[in-house]
Structure formats: C-alpha cells, structure tokens
mmCIF file of all heavy atoms, coordinates in Angstrom:
data_MODEL
# 
_entry.id   MODEL 
# 
loop_
_atom_site.group_PDB 
_atom_site.id 
_atom_site.type_symbol 
_atom_site.label_atom_id 
_atom_site.label_alt_id 
_atom_site.label_comp_id 
_atom_site.label_asym_id 
_atom_site.label_entity_id 
_atom_site.label_seq_id 
_atom_site.pdbx_PDB_ins_code 
_atom_site.Cartn_x 
_atom_site.Cartn_y 
_atom_site.Cartn_z 
_atom_site.occupancy 
_atom_site.B_iso_or_equiv 
_atom_site.pdbx_formal_charge 
_atom_site.auth_seq_id 
_atom_site.auth_comp_id 
_atom_site.auth_asym_id 
_atom_site.auth_atom_id 
_atom_site.pdbx_PDB_model_num 
ATOM 1   N N   . SER A 1 1  ? 0.877   -1.195 0.026  1.00 0.00 ? 1  SER A N   1 
ATOM 2   C CA  . SER A 1 1  ? 0.002   -0.013 -0.047 1.00 0.00 ? 1  SER A CA  1 
ATOM 3   C C   . SER A 1 1  ? 0.898   1.171  -0.018 1.00 0.00 ? 1  SER A C   1 
ATOM 4   O O   . SER A 1 1  ? 2.058   1.152  0.288  1.00 0.00 ? 1  SER A O   1 
ATOM 5   C CB  . SER A 1 1  ? -0.942  0.041  1.210  1.00 0.00 ? 1  SER A CB  1 
ATOM 6   O OG  . SER A 1 1  ? -1.811  1.133  1.197  1.00 0.00 ? 1  SER A OG  1 
ATOM 7   N N   . GLY A 1 2  ? 0.302   2.411  -0.288 1.00 0.00 ? 2  GLY A N   1 
ATOM 8   C CA  . GLY A 1 2  ? 1.141   3.661  -0.404 1.00 0.00 ? 2  GLY A CA  1 
ATOM 9   C C   . GLY A 1 2  ? 2.155   3.863  0.609  1.00 0.00 ? 2  GLY A C   1 
ATOM 10  O O   . GLY A 1 2  ? 3.353   3.820  0.251  1.00 0.00 ? 2  GLY A O   1 
ATOM 11  N N   . ALA A 1 3  ? 1.940   4.135  1.924  1.00 0.00 ? 3  ALA A N   1 
ATOM 12  C CA  . ALA A 1 3  ? 0.648   4.304  2.414  1.00 0.00 ? 3  ALA A CA  1 
ATOM 13  C C   . ALA A 1 3  ? 0.679   5.455  3.398  1.00 0.00 ? 3  ALA A C   1 
ATOM 14  O O   . ALA A 1 3  ? 1.539   5.594  4.233  1.00 0.00 ? 3  ALA A O   1 
ATOM 15  C CB  . ALA A 1 3  ? 0.147   3.039  3.265  1.00 0.00 ? 3  ALA A CB  1 
ATOM 16  N N   . VAL A 1 4  ? -0.323  6.394  3.160  1.00 0.00 ? 4  VAL A N   1 
ATOM 17  C CA  . VAL A 1 4  ? -0.673  7.431  4.174  1.00 0.00 ? 4  VAL A CA  1 
ATOM 18  C C   . VAL A 1 4  ? -1.895  6.849  4.836  1.00 0.00 ? 4  VAL A C   1 
ATOM 19  O O   . VAL A 1 4  ? -2.937  6.602  4.211  1.00 0.00 ? 4  VAL A O   1 
ATOM 20  C CB  . VAL A 1 4  ? -0.871  8.760  3.624  1.00 0.00 ? 4  VAL A CB  1 
ATOM 21  C CG1 . VAL A 1 4  ? -1.522  9.712  4.612  1.00 0.00 ? 4  VAL A CG1 1 
ATOM 22  C CG2 . VAL A 1 4  ? 0.425   9.326  3.001  1.00 0.00 ? 4  VAL A CG2 1 
ATOM 23  N N   . ILE A 1 5  ? -1.872  6.658  6.155  1.00 0.00 ? 5  ILE A N   1 
ATOM 24  C CA  . ILE A 1 5  ? -3.022  6.076  6.825  1.00 0.00 ? 5  ILE A CA  1 
ATOM 25  C C   . ILE A 1 5  ? -3.739  7.201  7.649  1.00 0.00 ? 5  ILE A C   1 
ATOM 26  O O   . ILE A 1 5  ? -3.059  8.016  8.288  1.00 0.00 ? 5  ILE A O   1 
ATOM 27  C CB  . ILE A 1 5  ? -2.686  4.907  7.629  1.00 0.00 ? 5  ILE A CB  1 
ATOM 28  C CG1 . ILE A 1 5  ? -1.757  5.252  8.827  1.00 0.00 ? 5  ILE A CG1 1 
ATOM 29  C CG2 . ILE A 1 5  ? -2.087  3.733  6.872  1.00 0.00 ? 5  ILE A CG2 1 
ATOM 30  C CD1 . ILE A 1 5  ? -1.579  4.183  9.875  1.00 0.00 ? 5  ILE A CD1 1 
ATOM 31  N N   . ASP A 1 6  ? -4.997  7.042  7.691  1.00 0.00 ? 6  ASP A N   1 
ATOM 32  C CA  . ASP A 1 6  ? -5.858  7.783  8.580  1.00 0.00 ? 6  ASP A CA  1 
ATOM 33  C C   . ASP A 1 6  ? -5.896  7.017  9.943  1.00 0.00 ? 6  ASP A C   1 
ATOM 34  O O   . ASP A 1 6  ? -6.383  5.877  9.940  1.00 0.00 ? 6  ASP A O   1 
ATOM 35  C CB  . ASP A 1 6  ? -7.230  7.950  8.039  1.00 0.00 ? 6  ASP A CB  1 
ATOM 36  C CG  . ASP A 1 6  ? -8.156  8.829  8.872  1.00 0.00 ? 6  ASP A CG  1 
ATOM 37  O OD1 . ASP A 1 6  ? -7.954  8.881  10.147 1.00 0.00 ? 6  ASP A OD1 1 
ATOM 38  O OD2 . ASP A 1 6  ? -9.126  9.413  8.364  1.00 0.00 ? 6  ASP A OD2 1 
ATOM 39  N N   . PRO A 1 7  ? -5.411  7.491  11.057 1.00 0.00 ? 7  PRO A N   1 
ATOM 40  C CA  . PRO A 1 7  ? -5.345  6.654  12.259 1.00 0.00 ? 7  PRO A CA  1 
ATOM 41  C C   . PRO A 1 7  ? -6.635  6.466  12.994 1.00 0.00 ? 7  PRO A C   1 
ATOM 42  O O   . PRO A 1 7  ? -6.711  5.903  14.044 1.00 0.00 ? 7  PRO A O   1 
ATOM 43  C CB  . PRO A 1 7  ? -4.355  7.555  13.152 1.00 0.00 ? 7  PRO A CB  1 
ATOM 44  C CG  . PRO A 1 7  ? -4.674  8.920  12.768 1.00 0.00 ? 7  PRO A CG  1 
ATOM 45  C CD  . PRO A 1 7  ? -4.952  8.894  11.302 1.00 0.00 ? 7  PRO A CD  1 
ATOM 46  N N   . VAL A 1 8  ? -7.746  6.873  12.450 1.00 0.00 ? 8  VAL A N   1 
ATOM 47  C CA  . VAL A 1 8  ? -9.053  6.687  13.074 1.00 0.00 ? 8  VAL A CA  1 
ATOM 48  C C   . VAL A 1 8  ? -9.350  5.260  13.474 1.00 0.00 ? 8  VAL A C   1 
ATOM 49  O O   . VAL A 1 8  ? -9.883  4.924  14.561 1.00 0.00 ? 8  VAL A O   1 
ATOM 50  C CB  . VAL A 1 8  ? -10.254 7.265  12.218 1.00 0.00 ? 8  VAL A CB  1 
ATOM 51  C CG1 . VAL A 1 8  ? -10.378 6.522  10.873 1.00 0.00 ? 8  VAL A CG1 1 
ATOM 52  C CG2 . VAL A 1 8  ? -11.470 7.312  13.022 1.00 0.00 ? 8  VAL A CG2 1 
ATOM 53  N N   . GLY A 1 9  ? -8.930  4.285  12.608 1.00 0.00 ? 9  GLY A N   1 
ATOM 54  C CA  . GLY A 1 9  ? -9.115  2.956  12.944 1.00 0.00 ? 9  GLY A CA  1 
ATOM 55  C C   . GLY A 1 9  ? -8.282  2.466  14.070 1.00 0.00 ? 9  GLY A C   1 
ATOM 56  O O   . GLY A 1 9  ? -8.748  1.770  15.018 1.00 0.00 ? 9  GLY A O   1 
ATOM 57  N N   . LEU A 1 10 ? -6.914  2.847  14.048 1.00 0.00 ? 10 LEU A N   1 
ATOM 58  C CA  . LEU A 1 10 ? -6.125  2.437  15.144 1.00 0.00 ? 10 LEU A CA  1 
ATOM 59  C C   . LEU A 1 10 ? -6.556  3.020  16.448 1.00 0.00 ? 10 LEU A C   1 
ATOM 60  O O   . LEU A 1 10 ? -6.458  2.427  17.525 1.00 0.00 ? 10 LEU A O   1 
ATOM 61  C CB  . LEU A 1 10 ? -4.693  2.874  14.863 1.00 0.00 ? 10 LEU A CB  1 
ATOM 62  C CG  . LEU A 1 10 ? -3.928  2.059  13.735 1.00 0.00 ? 10 LEU A CG  1 
ATOM 63  C CD1 . LEU A 1 10 ? -2.532  2.679  13.530 1.00 0.00 ? 10 LEU A CD1 1 
ATOM 64  C CD2 . LEU A 1 10 ? -3.861  0.596  14.107 1.00 0.00 ? 10 LEU A CD2 1 
ATOM 65  N N   . ASP A 1 11 ? -7.006  4.334  16.376 1.00 0.00 ? 11 ASP A N   1 
ATOM 66  C CA  . ASP A 1 11 ? -7.480  5.029  17.638 1.00 0.00 ? 11 ASP A CA  1 
ATOM 67  C C   . ASP A 1 11 ? -8.650  4.244  18.289 1.00 0.00 ? 11 ASP A C   1 
ATOM 68  O O   . ASP A 1 11 ? -8.723  4.177  19.504 1.00 0.00 ? 11 ASP A O   1 
ATOM 69  C CB  . ASP A 1 11 ? -7.922  6.407  17.339 1.00 0.00 ? 11 ASP A CB  1 
ATOM 70  C CG  . ASP A 1 11 ? -6.737  7.331  17.006 1.00 0.00 ? 11 ASP A CG  1 
ATOM 71  O OD1 . ASP A 1 11 ? -5.581  7.011  17.430 1.00 0.00 ? 11 ASP A OD1 1 
ATOM 72  O OD2 . ASP A 1 11 ? -6.968  8.323  16.359 1.00 0.00 ? 11 ASP A OD2 1 
ATOM 73  N N   . LYS A 1 12 ? -9.492  3.637  17.450 1.00 0.00 ? 12 LYS A N   1 
ATOM 74  C CA  . LYS A 1 12 ? -10.666 2.985  17.997 1.00 0.00 ? 12 LYS A CA  1 
ATOM 75  C C   . LYS A 1 12 ? -10.241 1.554  18.439 1.00 0.00 ? 12 LYS A C   1 
ATOM 76  O O   . LYS A 1 12 ? -10.827 1.083  19.475 1.00 0.00 ? 12 LYS A O   1 
ATOM 77  C CB  . LYS A 1 12 ? -11.744 2.861  16.877 1.00 0.00 ? 12 LYS A CB  1 
ATOM 78  C CG  . LYS A 1 12 ? -13.107 2.436  17.468 1.00 0.00 ? 12 LYS A CG  1 
ATOM 79  C CD  . LYS A 1 12 ? -14.196 2.684  16.366 1.00 0.00 ? 12 LYS A CD  1 
ATOM 80  C CE  . LYS A 1 12 ? -15.591 2.322  16.937 1.00 0.00 ? 12 LYS A CE  1 
ATOM 81  N NZ  . LYS A 1 12 ? -16.556 2.501  16.003 1.00 0.00 ? 12 LYS A NZ  1 
ATOM 82  N N   . LEU A 1 13 ? -9.353  0.884  17.655 1.00 0.00 ? 13 LEU A N   1 
ATOM 83  C CA  . LEU A 1 13 ? -8.961  -0.508 18.031 1.00 0.00 ? 13 LEU A CA  1 
ATOM 84  C C   . LEU A 1 13 ? -8.017  -0.618 19.164 1.00 0.00 ? 13 LEU A C   1 
ATOM 85  O O   . LEU A 1 13 ? -8.186  -1.413 20.101 1.00 0.00 ? 13 LEU A O   1 
ATOM 86  C CB  . LEU A 1 13 ? -8.374  -1.175 16.799 1.00 0.00 ? 13 LEU A CB  1 
ATOM 87  C CG  . LEU A 1 13 ? -7.821  -2.586 16.943 1.00 0.00 ? 13 LEU A CG  1 
ATOM 88  C CD1 . LEU A 1 13 ? -9.025  -3.557 17.117 1.00 0.00 ? 13 LEU A CD1 1 
ATOM 89  C CD2 . LEU A 1 13 ? -6.944  -3.007 15.718 1.00 0.00 ? 13 LEU A CD2 1 
ATOM 90  N N   . LEU A 1 14 ? -7.038  0.344  19.282 1.00 0.00 ? 14 LEU A N   1 
ATOM 91  C CA  . LEU A 1 14 ? -6.002  0.270  20.244 1.00 0.00 ? 14 LEU A CA  1 
ATOM 92  C C   . LEU A 1 14 ? -5.755  1.710  20.748 1.00 0.00 ? 14 LEU A C   1 
ATOM 93  O O   . LEU A 1 14 ? -4.866  2.419  20.401 1.00 0.00 ? 14 LEU A O   1 
ATOM 94  C CB  . LEU A 1 14 ? -4.677  -0.288 19.614 1.00 0.00 ? 14 LEU A CB  1 
ATOM 95  C CG  . LEU A 1 14 ? -4.738  -1.706 19.114 1.00 0.00 ? 14 LEU A CG  1 
ATOM 96  C CD1 . LEU A 1 14 ? -3.472  -1.991 18.270 1.00 0.00 ? 14 LEU A CD1 1 
ATOM 97  C CD2 . LEU A 1 14 ? -4.904  -2.694 20.193 1.00 0.00 ? 14 LEU A CD2 1 
ATOM 98  N N   . PRO A 1 15 ? -6.636  2.153  21.578 1.00 0.00 ? 15 PRO A N   1 
ATOM 99  C CA  . PRO A 1 15 ? -6.670  3.560  22.031 1.00 0.00 ? 15 PRO A CA  1 
ATOM 100 C C   . PRO A 1 15 ? -5.371  4.102  22.620 1.00 0.00 ? 15 PRO A C   1 
ATOM 101 O O   . PRO A 1 15 ? -4.989  5.309  22.467 1.00 0.00 ? 15 PRO A O   1 
ATOM 102 C CB  . PRO A 1 15 ? -7.755  3.660  23.091 1.00 0.00 ? 15 PRO A CB  1 
ATOM 103 C CG  . PRO A 1 15 ? -8.675  2.477  22.803 1.00 0.00 ? 15 PRO A CG  1 
ATOM 104 C CD  . PRO A 1 15 ? -7.768  1.431  22.259 1.00 0.00 ? 15 PRO A CD  1 
ATOM 105 N N   . GLY A 1 16 ? -4.538  3.182  23.157 1.00 0.00 ? 16 GLY A N   1 
ATOM 106 C CA  . GLY A 1 16 ? -3.204  3.646  23.709 1.00 0.00 ? 16 GLY A CA  1 
ATOM 107 C C   . GLY A 1 16 ? -2.051  3.497  22.873 1.00 0.00 ? 16 GLY A C   1 
ATOM 108 O O   . GLY A 1 16 ? -0.923  3.662  23.285 1.00 0.00 ? 16 GLY A O   1 
ATOM 109 N N   . TRP A 1 17 ? -2.247  3.292  21.540 1.00 0.00 ? 17 TRP A N   1 
ATOM 110 C CA  . TRP A 1 17 ? -1.173  2.953  20.657 1.00 0.00 ? 17 TRP A CA  1 
ATOM 111 C C   . TRP A 1 17 ? -0.091  4.039  20.543 1.00 0.00 ? 17 TRP A C   1 
ATOM 112 O O   . TRP A 1 17 ? 1.092   3.866  20.326 1.00 0.00 ? 17 TRP A O   1 
ATOM 113 C CB  . TRP A 1 17 ? -1.630  2.582  19.258 1.00 0.00 ? 17 TRP A CB  1 
ATOM 114 C CG  . TRP A 1 17 ? -2.185  3.763  18.446 1.00 0.00 ? 17 TRP A CG  1 
ATOM 115 C CD1 . TRP A 1 17 ? -3.448  4.099  18.388 1.00 0.00 ? 17 TRP A CD1 1 
ATOM 116 C CD2 . TRP A 1 17 ? -1.472  4.574  17.526 1.00 0.00 ? 17 TRP A CD2 1 
ATOM 117 N NE1 . TRP A 1 17 ? -3.597  5.215  17.603 1.00 0.00 ? 17 TRP A NE1 1 
ATOM 118 C CE2 . TRP A 1 17 ? -2.406  5.468  16.995 1.00 0.00 ? 17 TRP A CE2 1 
ATOM 119 C CE3 . TRP A 1 17 ? -0.060  4.690  17.191 1.00 0.00 ? 17 TRP A CE3 1 
ATOM 120 C CZ2 . TRP A 1 17 ? -2.028  6.484  16.051 1.00 0.00 ? 17 TRP A CZ2 1 
ATOM 121 C CZ3 . TRP A 1 17 ? 0.200   5.614  16.219 1.00 0.00 ? 17 TRP A CZ3 1 
ATOM 122 C CH2 . TRP A 1 17 ? -0.660  6.555  15.727 1.00 0.00 ? 17 TRP A CH2 1 
ATOM 123 N N   . ARG A 1 18 ? -0.568  5.321  20.720 1.00 0.00 ? 18 ARG A N   1 
ATOM 124 C CA  . ARG A 1 18 ? 0.310   6.470  20.481 1.00 0.00 ? 18 ARG A CA  1 
ATOM 125 C C   . ARG A 1 18 ? 1.423   6.505  21.579 1.00 0.00 ? 18 ARG A C   1 
ATOM 126 O O   . ARG A 1 18 ? 2.513   7.160  21.396 1.00 0.00 ? 18 ARG A O   1 
ATOM 127 C CB  . ARG A 1 18 ? -0.428  7.722  20.461 1.00 0.00 ? 18 ARG A CB  1 
ATOM 128 C CG  . ARG A 1 18 ? -1.381  7.898  19.256 1.00 0.00 ? 18 ARG A CG  1 
ATOM 129 C CD  . ARG A 1 18 ? -2.276  9.081  19.311 1.00 0.00 ? 18 ARG A CD  1 
ATOM 130 N NE  . ARG A 1 18 ? -3.209  9.050  18.355 1.00 0.00 ? 18 ARG A NE  1 
ATOM 131 C CZ  . ARG A 1 18 ? -3.157  9.684  17.210 1.00 0.00 ? 18 ARG A CZ  1 
ATOM 132 N NH1 . ARG A 1 18 ? -2.170  10.351 16.846 1.00 0.00 ? 18 ARG A NH1 1 
ATOM 133 N NH2 . ARG A 1 18 ? -4.216  9.610  16.298 1.00 0.00 ? 18 ARG A NH2 1 
ATOM 134 N N   . GLY A 1 19 ? 1.201   5.911  22.683 1.00 0.00 ? 19 GLY A N   1 
ATOM 135 C CA  . GLY A 1 19 ? 2.126   5.919  23.786 1.00 0.00 ? 19 GLY A CA  1 
ATOM 136 C C   . GLY A 1 19 ? 3.106   4.750  23.716 1.00 0.00 ? 19 GLY A C   1 
ATOM 137 O O   . GLY A 1 19 ? 3.943   4.488  24.722 1.00 0.00 ? 19 GLY A O   1 
ATOM 138 N N   . GLU A 1 20 ? 2.965   3.869  22.727 1.00 0.00 ? 20 GLU A N   1 
ATOM 139 C CA  . GLU A 1 20 ? 3.800   2.626  22.622 1.00 0.00 ? 20 GLU A CA  1 
ATOM 140 C C   . GLU A 1 20 ? 4.841   2.793  21.467 1.00 0.00 ? 20 GLU A C   1 
ATOM 141 O O   . GLU A 1 20 ? 4.828   3.737  20.733 1.00 0.00 ? 20 GLU A O   1 
ATOM 142 C CB  . GLU A 1 20 ? 2.909   1.441  22.300 1.00 0.00 ? 20 GLU A CB  1 
ATOM 143 C CG  . GLU A 1 20 ? 1.763   1.177  23.258 1.00 0.00 ? 20 GLU A CG  1 
ATOM 144 C CD  . GLU A 1 20 ? 0.882   0.013  22.833 1.00 0.00 ? 20 GLU A CD  1 
ATOM 145 O OE1 . GLU A 1 20 ? 1.339   -0.684 21.877 1.00 0.00 ? 20 GLU A OE1 1 
ATOM 146 O OE2 . GLU A 1 20 ? -0.164  -0.103 23.386 1.00 0.00 ? 20 GLU A OE2 1 
ATOM 147 N N   . GLU A 1 21 ? 5.741   1.838  21.440 1.00 0.00 ? 21 GLU A N   1 
ATOM 148 C CA  . GLU A 1 21 ? 6.766   1.799  20.298 1.00 0.00 ? 21 GLU A CA  1 
ATOM 149 C C   . GLU A 1 21 ? 5.991   1.068  19.135 1.00 0.00 ? 21 GLU A C   1 
ATOM 150 O O   . GLU A 1 21 ? 5.639   -0.107 19.240 1.00 0.00 ? 21 GLU A O   1 
ATOM 151 C CB  . GLU A 1 21 ? 7.959   0.988  20.724 1.00 0.00 ? 21 GLU A CB  1 
ATOM 152 C CG  . GLU A 1 21 ? 9.018   0.973  19.664 1.00 0.00 ? 21 GLU A CG  1 
ATOM 153 C CD  . GLU A 1 21 ? 10.318  0.293  20.098 1.00 0.00 ? 21 GLU A CD  1 
ATOM 154 O OE1 . GLU A 1 21 ? 10.501  0.217  21.348 1.00 0.00 ? 21 GLU A OE1 1 
ATOM 155 O OE2 . GLU A 1 21 ? 11.089  -0.161 19.270 1.00 0.00 ? 21 GLU A OE2 1 
ATOM 156 N N   . THR A 1 22 ? 5.795   1.779  18.092 1.00 0.00 ? 22 THR A N   1 
ATOM 157 C CA  . THR A 1 22 ? 5.089   1.268  16.868 1.00 0.00 ? 22 THR A CA  1 
ATOM 158 C C   . THR A 1 22 ? 5.813   1.675  15.681 1.00 0.00 ? 22 THR A C   1 
ATOM 159 O O   . THR A 1 22 ? 6.711   2.472  15.624 1.00 0.00 ? 22 THR A O   1 
ATOM 160 C CB  . THR A 1 22 ? 3.691   1.917  16.829 1.00 0.00 ? 22 THR A CB  1 
ATOM 161 O OG1 . THR A 1 22 ? 3.797   3.264  16.331 1.00 0.00 ? 22 THR A OG1 1 
ATOM 162 C CG2 . THR A 1 22 ? 2.999   1.932  18.203 1.00 0.00 ? 22 THR A CG2 1 
ATOM 163 N N   . PRO A 1 23 ? 5.416   1.053  14.490 1.00 0.00 ? 23 PRO A N   1 
ATOM 164 C CA  . PRO A 1 23 ? 5.989   1.446  13.117 1.00 0.00 ? 23 PRO A CA  1 
ATOM 165 C C   . PRO A 1 23 ? 5.208   2.643  12.550 1.00 0.00 ? 23 PRO A C   1 
ATOM 166 O O   . PRO A 1 23 ? 5.595   2.988  11.457 1.00 0.00 ? 23 PRO A O   1 
ATOM 167 C CB  . PRO A 1 23 ? 5.769   0.194  12.297 1.00 0.00 ? 23 PRO A CB  1 
ATOM 168 C CG  . PRO A 1 23 ? 4.541   -0.417 12.890 1.00 0.00 ? 23 PRO A CG  1 
ATOM 169 C CD  . PRO A 1 23 ? 4.586   -0.131 14.342 1.00 0.00 ? 23 PRO A CD  1 
ATOM 170 N N   . VAL A 1 24 ? 4.416   3.256  13.330 1.00 0.00 ? 24 VAL A N   1 
ATOM 171 C CA  . VAL A 1 24 ? 3.685   4.435  12.895 1.00 0.00 ? 24 VAL A CA  1 
ATOM 172 C C   . VAL A 1 24 ? 4.521   5.658  13.303 1.00 0.00 ? 24 VAL A C   1 
ATOM 173 O O   . VAL A 1 24 ? 4.364   6.228  14.493 1.00 0.00 ? 24 VAL A O   1 
ATOM 174 C CB  . VAL A 1 24 ? 2.191   4.572  13.382 1.00 0.00 ? 24 VAL A CB  1 
ATOM 175 C CG1 . VAL A 1 24 ? 1.447   5.721  12.784 1.00 0.00 ? 24 VAL A CG1 1 
ATOM 176 C CG2 . VAL A 1 24 ? 1.522   3.170  13.091 1.00 0.00 ? 24 VAL A CG2 1 
ATOM 177 N N   . LEU A 1 25 ? 5.487   6.137  12.511 1.00 0.00 ? 25 LEU A N   1 
ATOM 178 C CA  . LEU A 1 25 ? 6.470   6.957  12.953 1.00 0.00 ? 25 LEU A CA  1 
ATOM 179 C C   . LEU A 1 25 ? 6.475   8.426  12.354 1.00 0.00 ? 25 LEU A C   1 
ATOM 180 O O   . LEU A 1 25 ? 6.934   9.404  12.939 1.00 0.00 ? 25 LEU A O   1 
ATOM 181 C CB  . LEU A 1 25 ? 7.875   6.391  12.715 1.00 0.00 ? 25 LEU A CB  1 
ATOM 182 C CG  . LEU A 1 25 ? 8.204   5.037  13.301 1.00 0.00 ? 25 LEU A CG  1 
ATOM 183 C CD1 . LEU A 1 25 ? 9.518   4.531  12.816 1.00 0.00 ? 25 LEU A CD1 1 
ATOM 184 C CD2 . LEU A 1 25 ? 8.257   5.193  14.879 1.00 0.00 ? 25 LEU A CD2 1 
ATOM 185 N N   . THR A 1 26 ? 5.945   8.592  11.138 1.00 0.00 ? 26 THR A N   1 
ATOM 186 C CA  . THR A 1 26 ? 6.171   9.763  10.365 1.00 0.00 ? 26 THR A CA  1 
ATOM 187 C C   . THR A 1 26 ? 4.817   10.523 10.114 1.00 0.00 ? 26 THR A C   1 
ATOM 188 O O   . THR A 1 26 ? 4.032   10.055 9.266  1.00 0.00 ? 26 THR A O   1 
ATOM 189 C CB  . THR A 1 26 ? 6.826   9.470  9.027  1.00 0.00 ? 26 THR A CB  1 
ATOM 190 O OG1 . THR A 1 26 ? 8.059   8.721  9.242  1.00 0.00 ? 26 THR A OG1 1 
ATOM 191 C CG2 . THR A 1 26 ? 7.138   10.704 8.266  1.00 0.00 ? 26 THR A CG2 1 
ATOM 192 N N   . PRO A 1 27 ? 4.502   11.485 10.918 1.00 0.00 ? 27 PRO A N   1 
ATOM 193 C CA  . PRO A 1 27 ? 3.267   12.272 10.560 1.00 0.00 ? 27 PRO A CA  1 
ATOM 194 C C   . PRO A 1 27 ? 3.424   13.107 9.312  1.00 0.00 ? 27 PRO A C   1 
ATOM 195 O O   . PRO A 1 27 ? 4.565   13.562 9.013  1.00 0.00 ? 27 PRO A O   1 
ATOM 196 C CB  . PRO A 1 27 ? 3.137   13.142 11.842 1.00 0.00 ? 27 PRO A CB  1 
ATOM 197 C CG  . PRO A 1 27 ? 4.563   13.329 12.318 1.00 0.00 ? 27 PRO A CG  1 
ATOM 198 C CD  . PRO A 1 27 ? 5.254   12.021 12.041 1.00 0.00 ? 27 PRO A CD  1 
ATOM 199 N N   . VAL A 1 28 ? 2.339   13.231 8.610  1.00 0.00 ? 28 VAL A N   1 
ATOM 200 C CA  . VAL A 1 28 ? 2.377   14.163 7.450  1.00 0.00 ? 28 VAL A CA  1 
ATOM 201 C C   . VAL A 1 28 ? 2.570   15.550 7.811  1.00 0.00 ? 28 VAL A C   1 
ATOM 202 O O   . VAL A 1 28 ? 1.869   16.051 8.697  1.00 0.00 ? 28 VAL A O   1 
ATOM 203 C CB  . VAL A 1 28 ? 1.076   14.000 6.580  1.00 0.00 ? 28 VAL A CB  1 
ATOM 204 C CG1 . VAL A 1 28 ? 1.170   14.968 5.409  1.00 0.00 ? 28 VAL A CG1 1 
ATOM 205 C CG2 . VAL A 1 28 ? 0.893   12.572 6.060  1.00 0.00 ? 28 VAL A CG2 1 
ATOM 206 N N   . THR A 1 29 ? 3.569   16.191 7.297  1.00 0.00 ? 29 THR A N   1 
ATOM 207 C CA  . THR A 1 29 ? 3.904   17.615 7.597  1.00 0.00 ? 29 THR A CA  1 
ATOM 208 C C   . THR A 1 29 ? 3.572   18.552 6.556  1.00 0.00 ? 29 THR A C   1 
ATOM 209 O O   . THR A 1 29 ? 3.401   19.802 6.778  1.00 0.00 ? 29 THR A O   1 
ATOM 210 C CB  . THR A 1 29 ? 5.404   17.791 7.961  1.00 0.00 ? 29 THR A CB  1 
ATOM 211 O OG1 . THR A 1 29 ? 6.241   17.256 6.886  1.00 0.00 ? 29 THR A OG1 1 
ATOM 212 C CG2 . THR A 1 29 ? 5.755   16.923 9.182  1.00 0.00 ? 29 THR A CG2 1 
# 
C-alpha cells in the first residue's frame, strides 16, 4: 500500500497505541 493512513481505525482498536513503540513514525507535515 502507499501508504498514508488515517489513524481513526487504530485509535478505535488500540486507544493507547500512541504511547507505545510502533511502526507508525512519520506524521504528514
């Protein structure tokens, strides 16, 4: 996939993911 992802799905599935070590590293600037 491209991929630019909208995190709405992750926020709903794993609400605490932003405080963990994940491969979601690069926000669109």
